C-alpha atoms as a PDB file:
ATOM      1  CA  MET A   1      -5.616  22.092  45.468  1.00  0.00           C
ATOM      2  CA  SER A   2      -4.546  25.309  43.800  1.00  0.00           C
ATOM      3  CA  THR A   3      -5.422  28.620  45.389  1.00  0.00           C
ATOM      4  CA  GLY A   4      -5.373  30.694  42.193  1.00  0.00           C
ATOM      5  CA  LYS A   5      -7.926  30.981  39.429  1.00  0.00           C
ATOM      6  CA  TYR A   6      -6.139  28.479  37.176  1.00  0.00           C
ATOM      7  CA  LEU A   7      -6.644  24.746  37.338  1.00  0.00           C
ATOM      8  CA  SER A   8      -3.598  22.630  38.189  1.00  0.00           C
ATOM      9  CA  LEU A   9      -2.811  19.541  36.125  1.00  0.00           C
ATOM     10  CA  GLU A  10      -3.446  17.342  39.150  1.00  0.00           C
ATOM     11  CA  GLU A  11      -6.889  18.899  39.668  1.00  0.00           C
ATOM     12  CA  ALA A  12      -7.719  18.667  35.977  1.00  0.00           C
ATOM     13  CA  ARG A  13      -6.863  14.982  35.869  1.00  0.00           C
ATOM     14  CA  LYS A  14      -8.762  14.218  39.081  1.00  0.00           C
ATOM     15  CA  ASP A  15     -11.859  16.196  38.081  1.00  0.00           C
ATOM     16  CA  ASP A  16     -11.771  15.154  34.393  1.00  0.00           C
ATOM     17  CA  LYS A  17     -11.284  18.760  33.243  1.00  0.00           C
ATOM     18  CA  LEU A  18      -8.277  18.357  30.943  1.00  0.00           C
ATOM     19  CA  GLU A  19      -9.950  20.355  28.175  1.00  0.00           C
ATOM     20  CA  ARG A  20     -10.268  23.365  30.502  1.00  0.00           C
ATOM     21  CA  PHE A  21      -6.648  22.918  31.629  1.00  0.00           C
ATOM     22  CA  ALA A  22      -5.475  22.904  28.002  1.00  0.00           C
ATOM     23  CA  LYS A  23      -7.345  26.148  27.290  1.00  0.00           C
ATOM     24  CA  GLU A  24      -5.835  27.812  30.371  1.00  0.00           C
ATOM     25  CA  HIS A  25      -2.285  26.649  29.596  1.00  0.00           C
ATOM     26  CA  GLN A  26      -1.991  27.108  25.843  1.00  0.00           C
ATOM     27  CA  SER A  27       1.355  26.637  24.222  1.00  0.00           C
ATOM     28  CA  THR A  28       2.799  26.888  20.744  1.00  0.00           C
ATOM     29  CA  GLY A  29       5.159  24.422  19.193  1.00  0.00           C
ATOM     30  CA  ASP A  30       6.393  22.791  16.026  1.00  0.00           C
ATOM     31  CA  LYS A  31       4.065  19.860  15.312  1.00  0.00           C
ATOM     32  CA  GLN A  32       6.378  18.276  12.739  1.00  0.00           C
ATOM     33  CA  LEU A  33       9.371  18.500  15.055  1.00  0.00           C
ATOM     34  CA  PHE A  34       7.382  17.032  17.946  1.00  0.00           C
ATOM     35  CA  ASP A  35       5.970  14.186  15.830  1.00  0.00           C
ATOM     36  CA  GLY A  36       9.450  13.370  14.518  1.00  0.00           C
ATOM     37  CA  LEU A  37      10.917  13.330  18.008  1.00  0.00           C
ATOM     38  CA  LEU A  38       8.084  11.192  19.355  1.00  0.00           C
ATOM     39  CA  SER A  39       8.473   8.722  16.479  1.00  0.00           C
ATOM     40  CA  ALA A  40      12.227   8.509  17.038  1.00  0.00           C
ATOM     41  CA  MET A  41      11.685   7.835  20.735  1.00  0.00           C
ATOM     42  CA  THR A  42       9.147   5.059  20.149  1.00  0.00           C
ATOM     43  CA  GLU A  43      10.807   3.203  17.267  1.00  0.00           C
ATOM     44  CA  LYS A  44      12.985   0.185  17.882  1.00  0.00           C
ATOM     45  CA  PRO A  45      16.675   0.817  17.246  1.00  0.00           C
ATOM     46  CA  GLU A  46      18.147  -0.741  14.094  1.00  0.00           C
ATOM     47  CA  MET A  47      19.933  -3.388  16.174  1.00  0.00           C
ATOM     48  CA  GLU A  48      16.612  -4.678  17.512  1.00  0.00           C
ATOM     49  CA  LYS A  49      14.940  -4.653  14.083  1.00  0.00           C
ATOM     50  CA  ARG A  50      17.366  -7.154  12.548  1.00  0.00           C
ATOM     51  CA  ASP A  51      16.264 -10.745  12.081  1.00  0.00           C
ATOM     52  CA  HIS A  52      18.844 -12.659  14.098  1.00  0.00           C
ATOM     53  CA  SER A  53      17.250 -16.040  13.384  1.00  0.00           C
ATOM     54  CA  LYS A  54      19.150 -16.327  10.079  1.00  0.00           C
ATOM     55  CA  SER A  55      22.563 -15.374  11.425  1.00  0.00           C
ATOM     56  CA  GLU A  56      25.318 -17.920  11.850  1.00  0.00           C
ATOM     57  CA  PRO A  57      26.216 -18.878  15.416  1.00  0.00           C
ATOM     58  CA  LYS A  58      29.576 -17.582  16.629  1.00  0.00           C
ATOM     59  CA  LYS A  59      32.370 -20.155  16.727  1.00  0.00           C
END
C-alpha cells in the first residue's frame, strides 16, 4: 500500500478506482501514433495472412 497521497496502480486495480488513478496520473500523447502502433502490433504479419491452401507442394 502506498504511503503518499496518490493511489498506486496496484491499489487502484484492487479497489476498483482506476478512474481516480487516471486523474492523478494524467499524461499527454499522440493518439494517432499510439493507435497506429497498437494496430501494427496486433495485426498478423503478411506471411501469416497468405492463403497457403492454394500453393503447390514443394518437390
